[in-house]
Amino acid sequence: MSELDGYRERLVAARDVLAATPLLGPGEFGPPDEKTGERWDRTNVLGHVAEMLPYWTSQTRAVIGGAGEMGRGEAGYARRREGIDSGKVLSEADLRAQINDGIEGLLLLLQEMRDEDLERPLVYRPKDGDRQETVRSILEDLMVGHLEAHIRQLHELTPG
């Protein structure tokens, strides 16, 4: 199995776990995030995931197409905040539908990629300073692994 196949399998597994997670509304706020200090409930998590999957898929697609850098910038961070807050406006079912669309978009990108694309270098521009990365590290840290971490967070915020 190729590394790209492994990412696709992990995405499908994450989608299945999310589908099996009950719809319970916002619930209680979790503990503060170590990096940001933000405290999220279930709908904040879902809103963030619904926003971040298409955002980073688009950024990664640009890198595969030849762009040498990626990041959020001021507008991207505002979009992130809107995603987090959208959990208070959209239904949980709507957020999950957006997440499924985001997963499908990422699966499509992975289908289009070649193994050598994983080694493609880029400059990642987060708030705390530029750093050299590869598409592989972006897939792990900002997309597939990030999705898995938020699904674990969602389960931690689900009573029962």
N, C-alpha and C. Protein backbone atom coordinates (compact mmCIF):
# COMPACT_ATOMS: atom_id res chain seq x y z
N MET A 1 0.84 -1.17 0.00
CA MET A 1 0.00 0.00 0.00
C MET A 1 0.89 1.24 0.00
N SER A 2 0.51 2.22 -0.81
CA SER A 2 1.29 3.45 -0.86
C SER A 2 0.94 4.35 0.33
N GLU A 3 1.78 5.32 0.55
CA GLU A 3 1.54 6.28 1.63
C GLU A 3 0.24 7.05 1.38
N LEU A 4 -0.01 7.40 0.12
CA LEU A 4 -1.26 8.10 -0.21
C LEU A 4 -2.47 7.22 0.08
N ASP A 5 -2.35 5.91 -0.21
CA ASP A 5 -3.44 4.98 0.14
C ASP A 5 -3.68 4.99 1.65
N GLY A 6 -2.60 5.05 2.41
CA GLY A 6 -2.73 5.09 3.87
C GLY A 6 -3.47 6.33 4.34
N TYR A 7 -3.18 7.49 3.74
CA TYR A 7 -3.91 8.71 4.09
C TYR A 7 -5.39 8.57 3.73
N ARG A 8 -5.66 7.98 2.56
CA ARG A 8 -7.06 7.80 2.16
C ARG A 8 -7.78 6.87 3.13
N GLU A 9 -7.14 5.79 3.53
CA GLU A 9 -7.76 4.87 4.49
C GLU A 9 -8.05 5.56 5.82
N ARG A 10 -7.12 6.37 6.28
CA ARG A 10 -7.32 7.09 7.54
C ARG A 10 -8.48 8.08 7.43
N LEU A 11 -8.60 8.74 6.29
CA LEU A 11 -9.71 9.67 6.09
C LEU A 11 -11.05 8.95 6.10
N VAL A 12 -11.13 7.83 5.41
CA VAL A 12 -12.37 7.06 5.38
C VAL A 12 -12.72 6.56 6.78
N ALA A 13 -11.71 6.10 7.52
CA ALA A 13 -11.95 5.64 8.90
C ALA A 13 -12.43 6.79 9.77
N ALA A 14 -11.84 7.97 9.62
CA ALA A 14 -12.27 9.14 10.41
C ALA A 14 -13.70 9.51 10.05
N ARG A 15 -14.03 9.47 8.78
CA ARG A 15 -15.41 9.76 8.36
C ARG A 15 -16.38 8.78 8.98
N ASP A 16 -16.01 7.50 9.03
CA ASP A 16 -16.88 6.48 9.61
C ASP A 16 -17.07 6.69 11.11
N VAL A 17 -15.99 7.06 11.80
CA VAL A 17 -16.09 7.32 13.25
C VAL A 17 -17.00 8.52 13.49
N LEU A 18 -16.84 9.56 12.69
CA LEU A 18 -17.69 10.73 12.85
C LEU A 18 -19.15 10.39 12.59
N ALA A 19 -19.41 9.59 11.56
CA ALA A 19 -20.78 9.21 11.24
C ALA A 19 -21.42 8.42 12.37
N ALA A 20 -20.61 7.67 13.12
CA ALA A 20 -21.13 6.86 14.22
C ALA A 20 -21.26 7.66 15.53
N THR A 21 -20.79 8.89 15.53
CA THR A 21 -20.86 9.74 16.72
C THR A 21 -22.24 10.37 16.79
N PRO A 22 -22.92 10.26 17.93
CA PRO A 22 -24.29 10.80 18.01
C PRO A 22 -24.32 12.32 17.90
N LEU A 23 -25.44 12.81 17.37
CA LEU A 23 -25.69 14.26 17.32
C LEU A 23 -26.27 14.65 18.67
N LEU A 24 -25.56 15.48 19.40
CA LEU A 24 -25.97 15.81 20.77
C LEU A 24 -25.99 17.29 21.07
N GLY A 25 -25.77 18.13 20.09
CA GLY A 25 -25.73 19.56 20.36
C GLY A 25 -24.40 19.97 20.94
N PRO A 26 -24.33 21.21 21.45
CA PRO A 26 -23.04 21.76 21.85
C PRO A 26 -22.39 21.09 23.05
N GLY A 27 -23.16 20.71 24.06
CA GLY A 27 -22.56 20.12 25.26
C GLY A 27 -21.75 21.15 26.03
N GLU A 28 -20.87 20.67 26.86
CA GLU A 28 -20.04 21.52 27.71
C GLU A 28 -18.76 21.92 26.98
N PHE A 29 -18.15 23.01 27.44
CA PHE A 29 -16.86 23.40 26.90
C PHE A 29 -15.77 22.48 27.44
N GLY A 30 -14.82 22.15 26.58
CA GLY A 30 -13.69 21.34 26.98
C GLY A 30 -12.62 22.20 27.64
N PRO A 31 -11.52 21.59 28.01
CA PRO A 31 -10.42 22.34 28.63
C PRO A 31 -9.78 23.29 27.62
N PRO A 32 -9.07 24.30 28.10
CA PRO A 32 -8.41 25.24 27.19
C PRO A 32 -7.35 24.54 26.34
N ASP A 33 -7.27 24.95 25.08
CA ASP A 33 -6.24 24.45 24.19
C ASP A 33 -4.88 24.92 24.68
N GLU A 34 -3.88 24.04 24.64
CA GLU A 34 -2.54 24.38 25.14
C GLU A 34 -1.92 25.55 24.40
N LYS A 35 -2.16 25.65 23.08
CA LYS A 35 -1.52 26.70 22.28
C LYS A 35 -2.32 28.00 22.28
N THR A 36 -3.63 27.89 22.11
CA THR A 36 -4.44 29.09 21.90
C THR A 36 -5.20 29.55 23.14
N GLY A 37 -5.42 28.64 24.08
CA GLY A 37 -6.22 28.97 25.26
C GLY A 37 -7.72 28.93 24.99
N GLU A 38 -8.10 28.64 23.73
CA GLU A 38 -9.52 28.59 23.38
C GLU A 38 -10.18 27.39 24.05
N ARG A 39 -11.44 27.57 24.45
CA ARG A 39 -12.25 26.47 24.98
C ARG A 39 -13.41 26.26 24.01
N TRP A 40 -13.52 25.04 23.51
CA TRP A 40 -14.52 24.73 22.50
C TRP A 40 -15.53 23.71 23.02
N ASP A 41 -16.77 23.85 22.53
CA ASP A 41 -17.75 22.80 22.73
C ASP A 41 -17.82 21.98 21.43
N ARG A 42 -18.72 21.03 21.39
CA ARG A 42 -18.80 20.14 20.24
C ARG A 42 -19.06 20.89 18.92
N THR A 43 -19.94 21.91 18.98
CA THR A 43 -20.26 22.63 17.74
C THR A 43 -19.08 23.47 17.27
N ASN A 44 -18.28 23.98 18.19
CA ASN A 44 -17.06 24.71 17.78
C ASN A 44 -16.11 23.78 17.04
N VAL A 45 -15.96 22.57 17.55
CA VAL A 45 -15.08 21.59 16.91
C VAL A 45 -15.59 21.28 15.51
N LEU A 46 -16.88 21.01 15.39
CA LEU A 46 -17.45 20.67 14.08
C LEU A 46 -17.33 21.85 13.11
N GLY A 47 -17.58 23.06 13.58
CA GLY A 47 -17.45 24.23 12.72
C GLY A 47 -16.02 24.43 12.23
N HIS A 48 -15.06 24.23 13.13
CA HIS A 48 -13.65 24.35 12.74
C HIS A 48 -13.29 23.31 11.69
N VAL A 49 -13.67 22.07 11.91
CA VAL A 49 -13.32 21.00 10.96
C VAL A 49 -13.98 21.27 9.61
N ALA A 50 -15.23 21.73 9.63
CA ALA A 50 -15.93 22.03 8.38
C ALA A 50 -15.22 23.11 7.59
N GLU A 51 -14.58 24.05 8.28
CA GLU A 51 -13.85 25.12 7.61
C GLU A 51 -12.44 24.70 7.20
N MET A 52 -11.74 23.99 8.09
CA MET A 52 -10.32 23.75 7.86
C MET A 52 -10.06 22.74 6.74
N LEU A 53 -10.92 21.77 6.58
CA LEU A 53 -10.66 20.77 5.53
C LEU A 53 -10.62 21.40 4.14
N PRO A 54 -11.65 22.14 3.70
CA PRO A 54 -11.54 22.74 2.37
C PRO A 54 -10.46 23.82 2.29
N TYR A 55 -10.22 24.54 3.39
CA TYR A 55 -9.19 25.57 3.36
C TYR A 55 -7.82 24.96 3.07
N TRP A 56 -7.42 23.96 3.87
CA TRP A 56 -6.09 23.38 3.68
C TRP A 56 -6.01 22.53 2.42
N THR A 57 -7.13 21.95 1.99
CA THR A 57 -7.12 21.22 0.72
C THR A 57 -6.82 22.18 -0.42
N SER A 58 -7.44 23.34 -0.41
CA SER A 58 -7.20 24.35 -1.44
C SER A 58 -5.75 24.83 -1.40
N GLN A 59 -5.23 25.08 -0.21
CA GLN A 59 -3.84 25.53 -0.07
C GLN A 59 -2.87 24.45 -0.58
N THR A 60 -3.14 23.21 -0.25
CA THR A 60 -2.27 22.11 -0.68
C THR A 60 -2.36 21.91 -2.19
N ARG A 61 -3.56 22.03 -2.72
CA ARG A 61 -3.73 21.92 -4.17
C ARG A 61 -2.88 22.98 -4.88
N ALA A 62 -2.84 24.19 -4.33
CA ALA A 62 -2.02 25.27 -4.91
C ALA A 62 -0.54 24.90 -4.87
N VAL A 63 -0.09 24.30 -3.77
CA VAL A 63 1.31 23.89 -3.67
C VAL A 63 1.62 22.80 -4.69
N ILE A 64 0.74 21.84 -4.84
CA ILE A 64 0.95 20.78 -5.83
C ILE A 64 1.01 21.40 -7.23
N GLY A 65 0.25 22.49 -7.42
CA GLY A 65 0.25 23.18 -8.71
C GLY A 65 1.41 24.12 -8.92
N GLY A 66 2.31 24.24 -7.92
CA GLY A 66 3.51 25.04 -8.12
C GLY A 66 3.73 26.17 -7.13
N ALA A 67 2.74 26.49 -6.29
CA ALA A 67 2.94 27.54 -5.28
C ALA A 67 4.01 27.08 -4.30
N GLY A 68 4.80 27.99 -3.81
CA GLY A 68 5.89 27.62 -2.92
C GLY A 68 5.61 27.85 -1.45
N GLU A 69 4.42 28.39 -1.15
CA GLU A 69 4.12 28.68 0.26
C GLU A 69 2.64 28.52 0.51
N MET A 70 2.30 28.41 1.80
CA MET A 70 0.92 28.32 2.20
C MET A 70 0.78 28.82 3.63
N GLY A 71 -0.41 29.19 3.98
CA GLY A 71 -0.69 29.67 5.32
C GLY A 71 -2.04 30.36 5.35
N ARG A 72 -2.36 30.95 6.49
CA ARG A 72 -3.66 31.59 6.61
C ARG A 72 -3.62 33.09 6.38
N GLY A 73 -2.68 33.79 6.95
CA GLY A 73 -2.72 35.24 6.88
C GLY A 73 -3.92 35.78 7.65
N GLU A 74 -4.07 37.08 7.64
CA GLU A 74 -5.14 37.71 8.42
C GLU A 74 -6.53 37.24 7.97
N ALA A 75 -6.77 37.22 6.68
CA ALA A 75 -8.07 36.79 6.16
C ALA A 75 -8.33 35.31 6.49
N GLY A 76 -7.30 34.50 6.41
CA GLY A 76 -7.45 33.08 6.72
C GLY A 76 -7.77 32.83 8.18
N TYR A 77 -7.15 33.61 9.07
CA TYR A 77 -7.46 33.46 10.49
C TYR A 77 -8.86 33.95 10.81
N ALA A 78 -9.32 35.00 10.10
CA ALA A 78 -10.71 35.45 10.27
C ALA A 78 -11.67 34.35 9.80
N ARG A 79 -11.33 33.71 8.71
CA ARG A 79 -12.15 32.60 8.20
C ARG A 79 -12.18 31.44 9.19
N ARG A 80 -11.03 31.15 9.82
CA ARG A 80 -10.97 30.10 10.84
C ARG A 80 -11.93 30.44 11.98
N ARG A 81 -11.89 31.68 12.46
CA ARG A 81 -12.75 32.10 13.56
C ARG A 81 -14.22 31.97 13.16
N GLU A 82 -14.55 32.37 11.93
CA GLU A 82 -15.93 32.23 11.44
C GLU A 82 -16.35 30.76 11.44
N GLY A 83 -15.44 29.88 11.04
CA GLY A 83 -15.75 28.45 11.05
C GLY A 83 -16.06 27.96 12.45
N ILE A 84 -15.22 28.31 13.40
CA ILE A 84 -15.43 27.91 14.79
C ILE A 84 -16.77 28.41 15.28
N ASP A 85 -17.07 29.67 15.00
CA ASP A 85 -18.32 30.27 15.47
C ASP A 85 -19.54 29.79 14.70
N SER A 86 -19.35 29.23 13.50
CA SER A 86 -20.48 28.77 12.70
C SER A 86 -21.25 27.65 13.38
N GLY A 87 -20.61 26.98 14.32
CA GLY A 87 -21.29 25.92 15.06
C GLY A 87 -22.48 26.43 15.85
N LYS A 88 -22.51 27.72 16.12
CA LYS A 88 -23.64 28.30 16.85
C LYS A 88 -24.77 28.72 15.92
N VAL A 89 -24.49 28.72 14.61
CA VAL A 89 -25.46 29.20 13.64
C VAL A 89 -26.04 28.04 12.82
N LEU A 90 -25.17 27.14 12.40
CA LEU A 90 -25.58 26.02 11.56
C LEU A 90 -25.98 24.83 12.43
N SER A 91 -26.82 23.98 11.88
CA SER A 91 -27.18 22.76 12.61
C SER A 91 -26.00 21.78 12.60
N GLU A 92 -26.02 20.88 13.56
CA GLU A 92 -24.97 19.86 13.60
C GLU A 92 -25.00 19.01 12.34
N ALA A 93 -26.19 18.73 11.84
CA ALA A 93 -26.32 17.95 10.60
C ALA A 93 -25.69 18.70 9.42
N ASP A 94 -25.91 20.03 9.35
CA ASP A 94 -25.31 20.82 8.27
C ASP A 94 -23.79 20.83 8.38
N LEU A 95 -23.27 20.99 9.60
CA LEU A 95 -21.83 20.97 9.79
C LEU A 95 -21.24 19.63 9.38
N ARG A 96 -21.91 18.54 9.75
CA ARG A 96 -21.41 17.22 9.37
C ARG A 96 -21.44 17.04 7.86
N ALA A 97 -22.46 17.57 7.20
CA ALA A 97 -22.51 17.49 5.73
C ALA A 97 -21.34 18.25 5.13
N GLN A 98 -21.02 19.42 5.68
CA GLN A 98 -19.87 20.18 5.20
C GLN A 98 -18.56 19.42 5.43
N ILE A 99 -18.46 18.77 6.58
CA ILE A 99 -17.26 17.97 6.88
C ILE A 99 -17.14 16.83 5.88
N ASN A 100 -18.24 16.15 5.61
CA ASN A 100 -18.20 15.06 4.62
C ASN A 100 -17.76 15.59 3.25
N ASP A 101 -18.26 16.77 2.87
CA ASP A 101 -17.84 17.37 1.61
C ASP A 101 -16.33 17.67 1.65
N GLY A 102 -15.85 18.17 2.79
CA GLY A 102 -14.42 18.45 2.94
C GLY A 102 -13.58 17.19 2.85
N ILE A 103 -14.05 16.13 3.45
CA ILE A 103 -13.33 14.85 3.37
C ILE A 103 -13.31 14.36 1.92
N GLU A 104 -14.43 14.48 1.23
CA GLU A 104 -14.48 14.06 -0.18
C GLU A 104 -13.51 14.89 -1.02
N GLY A 105 -13.44 16.19 -0.75
CA GLY A 105 -12.51 17.04 -1.49
C GLY A 105 -11.06 16.64 -1.25
N LEU A 106 -10.74 16.31 -0.01
CA LEU A 106 -9.38 15.88 0.30
C LEU A 106 -9.09 14.51 -0.30
N LEU A 107 -10.07 13.62 -0.28
CA LEU A 107 -9.88 12.31 -0.93
C LEU A 107 -9.61 12.48 -2.42
N LEU A 108 -10.32 13.40 -3.04
CA LEU A 108 -10.10 13.66 -4.47
C LEU A 108 -8.69 14.19 -4.71
N LEU A 109 -8.25 15.13 -3.88
CA LEU A 109 -6.88 15.64 -4.02
C LEU A 109 -5.87 14.51 -3.87
N LEU A 110 -6.04 13.67 -2.87
CA LEU A 110 -5.11 12.55 -2.65
C LEU A 110 -5.11 11.60 -3.85
N GLN A 111 -6.27 11.42 -4.47
CA GLN A 111 -6.37 10.55 -5.65
C GLN A 111 -5.57 11.14 -6.82
N GLU A 112 -5.55 12.46 -6.90
CA GLU A 112 -4.85 13.14 -8.00
C GLU A 112 -3.35 13.24 -7.77
N MET A 113 -2.92 13.10 -6.52
CA MET A 113 -1.49 13.26 -6.19
C MET A 113 -0.68 12.04 -6.57
N ARG A 114 0.62 12.27 -6.73
CA ARG A 114 1.58 11.19 -6.93
C ARG A 114 2.42 11.08 -5.66
N ASP A 115 3.00 9.93 -5.44
CA ASP A 115 3.82 9.73 -4.24
C ASP A 115 4.92 10.79 -4.10
N GLU A 116 5.51 11.18 -5.21
CA GLU A 116 6.60 12.16 -5.14
C GLU A 116 6.10 13.55 -4.69
N ASP A 117 4.81 13.81 -4.81
CA ASP A 117 4.26 15.08 -4.32
C ASP A 117 4.41 15.22 -2.81
N LEU A 118 4.48 14.12 -2.10
CA LEU A 118 4.61 14.17 -0.64
C LEU A 118 5.91 14.83 -0.22
N GLU A 119 6.93 14.74 -1.05
CA GLU A 119 8.24 15.33 -0.73
C GLU A 119 8.35 16.79 -1.16
N ARG A 120 7.33 17.31 -1.83
CA ARG A 120 7.40 18.68 -2.34
C ARG A 120 7.61 19.66 -1.18
N PRO A 121 8.66 20.48 -1.27
CA PRO A 121 8.93 21.44 -0.19
C PRO A 121 8.03 22.68 -0.32
N LEU A 122 7.81 23.33 0.81
CA LEU A 122 7.03 24.57 0.83
C LEU A 122 7.40 25.37 2.06
N VAL A 123 7.04 26.63 2.03
CA VAL A 123 7.18 27.47 3.21
C VAL A 123 5.79 27.58 3.82
N TYR A 124 5.67 27.13 5.06
CA TYR A 124 4.40 27.23 5.80
C TYR A 124 4.49 28.49 6.65
N ARG A 125 3.47 29.33 6.56
CA ARG A 125 3.47 30.63 7.23
C ARG A 125 2.39 30.71 8.31
N PRO A 126 2.64 30.09 9.48
CA PRO A 126 1.70 30.26 10.60
C PRO A 126 1.99 31.57 11.34
N LYS A 127 1.18 31.87 12.34
CA LYS A 127 1.35 33.11 13.11
C LYS A 127 2.70 33.20 13.79
N ASP A 128 3.24 32.06 14.21
CA ASP A 128 4.47 32.08 15.03
C ASP A 128 5.76 32.04 14.21
N GLY A 129 5.67 32.26 12.91
CA GLY A 129 6.90 32.34 12.11
C GLY A 129 6.97 31.28 11.02
N ASP A 130 7.56 31.65 9.91
CA ASP A 130 7.68 30.77 8.75
C ASP A 130 8.54 29.55 9.08
N ARG A 131 8.19 28.43 8.44
CA ARG A 131 9.04 27.25 8.55
C ARG A 131 8.96 26.43 7.27
N GLN A 132 10.04 25.70 7.04
CA GLN A 132 10.12 24.80 5.89
C GLN A 132 9.38 23.52 6.23
N GLU A 133 8.52 23.09 5.33
CA GLU A 133 7.73 21.87 5.50
C GLU A 133 7.72 21.12 4.18
N THR A 134 7.06 19.97 4.20
CA THR A 134 6.78 19.22 2.99
C THR A 134 5.27 19.00 2.93
N VAL A 135 4.78 18.62 1.77
CA VAL A 135 3.36 18.30 1.64
C VAL A 135 3.01 17.18 2.62
N ARG A 136 3.90 16.23 2.80
CA ARG A 136 3.65 15.14 3.75
C ARG A 136 3.36 15.68 5.16
N SER A 137 4.19 16.59 5.64
CA SER A 137 3.98 17.11 6.99
C SER A 137 2.69 17.92 7.08
N ILE A 138 2.34 18.61 6.01
CA ILE A 138 1.08 19.37 5.99
C ILE A 138 -0.11 18.41 6.05
N LEU A 139 -0.06 17.33 5.27
CA LEU A 139 -1.14 16.34 5.31
C LEU A 139 -1.32 15.79 6.72
N GLU A 140 -0.22 15.53 7.37
CA GLU A 140 -0.28 14.95 8.72
C GLU A 140 -0.73 15.99 9.74
N ASP A 141 -0.08 17.15 9.74
CA ASP A 141 -0.28 18.12 10.82
C ASP A 141 -1.52 19.00 10.66
N LEU A 142 -1.88 19.32 9.43
CA LEU A 142 -2.98 20.26 9.21
C LEU A 142 -4.23 19.61 8.63
N MET A 143 -4.12 18.37 8.16
CA MET A 143 -5.26 17.79 7.47
C MET A 143 -5.66 16.45 8.08
N VAL A 144 -5.04 15.37 7.70
CA VAL A 144 -5.50 14.05 8.14
C VAL A 144 -5.30 13.87 9.64
N GLY A 145 -4.10 14.10 10.12
CA GLY A 145 -3.86 13.97 11.56
C GLY A 145 -4.66 14.97 12.37
N HIS A 146 -4.84 16.16 11.83
CA HIS A 146 -5.62 17.21 12.48
C HIS A 146 -7.08 16.80 12.59
N LEU A 147 -7.62 16.23 11.51
CA LEU A 147 -9.00 15.72 11.53
C LEU A 147 -9.14 14.64 12.59
N GLU A 148 -8.21 13.70 12.62
CA GLU A 148 -8.27 12.62 13.62
C GLU A 148 -8.23 13.18 15.04
N ALA A 149 -7.39 14.18 15.27
CA ALA A 149 -7.30 14.78 16.61
C ALA A 149 -8.61 15.45 16.99
N HIS A 150 -9.25 16.12 16.06
CA HIS A 150 -10.52 16.77 16.38
C HIS A 150 -11.65 15.77 16.57
N ILE A 151 -11.59 14.64 15.90
CA ILE A 151 -12.61 13.61 16.15
C ILE A 151 -12.41 13.03 17.55
N ARG A 152 -11.17 12.84 17.97
CA ARG A 152 -10.92 12.41 19.36
C ARG A 152 -11.45 13.47 20.34
N GLN A 153 -11.19 14.74 20.02
CA GLN A 153 -11.68 15.83 20.87
C GLN A 153 -13.21 15.79 20.94
N LEU A 154 -13.85 15.57 19.83
CA LEU A 154 -15.31 15.49 19.78
C LEU A 154 -15.81 14.36 20.69
N HIS A 155 -15.13 13.23 20.65
CA HIS A 155 -15.51 12.11 21.52
C HIS A 155 -15.30 12.44 22.98
N GLU A 156 -14.24 13.18 23.28
CA GLU A 156 -13.99 13.58 24.67
C GLU A 156 -15.08 14.53 25.17
N LEU A 157 -15.70 15.29 24.26
CA LEU A 157 -16.74 16.23 24.62
C LEU A 157 -18.14 15.61 24.55
N THR A 158 -18.21 14.34 24.18
CA THR A 158 -19.49 13.64 24.06
C THR A 158 -19.75 12.86 25.35
N PRO A 159 -20.82 13.19 26.06
CA PRO A 159 -21.10 12.48 27.32
C PRO A 159 -21.42 11.02 27.06
N GLY A 160 -21.15 10.23 28.05
CA GLY A 160 -21.60 8.86 27.96
C GLY A 160 -20.56 7.86 28.06
